């Protein structure tokens, strides 16, 4: 699967280098955001973002923290409340949800 992703990204790079990319500017920003989501695993997420990302309710999220299934959030610069990283949430997903 990673080879397919690599090959597709390489095609995009070759088109850009050759001046053949016909991606509209608004789509370019979407692509940047999308790729950045995958690359930046340490980006802090608020509680709302975290339980939305996991597709569970707020109360389920709180219950899973109380049971020790999810880590307690950490204070992070720029956040008034506790925050979680995508990496932490993905680890929970692998272990408890089978995603």
Foldseek 3Di string as FASTA:
>chain_A
DVVVVVVVVVVVVVCVVVVNDPDDPVVVVVVVVVVCLVVFQFDWDDLVRLCVVVVHDSVVVVVCCVVVLAPDFPDDPPDPDGTDTNVRSVVSCVVPVVD
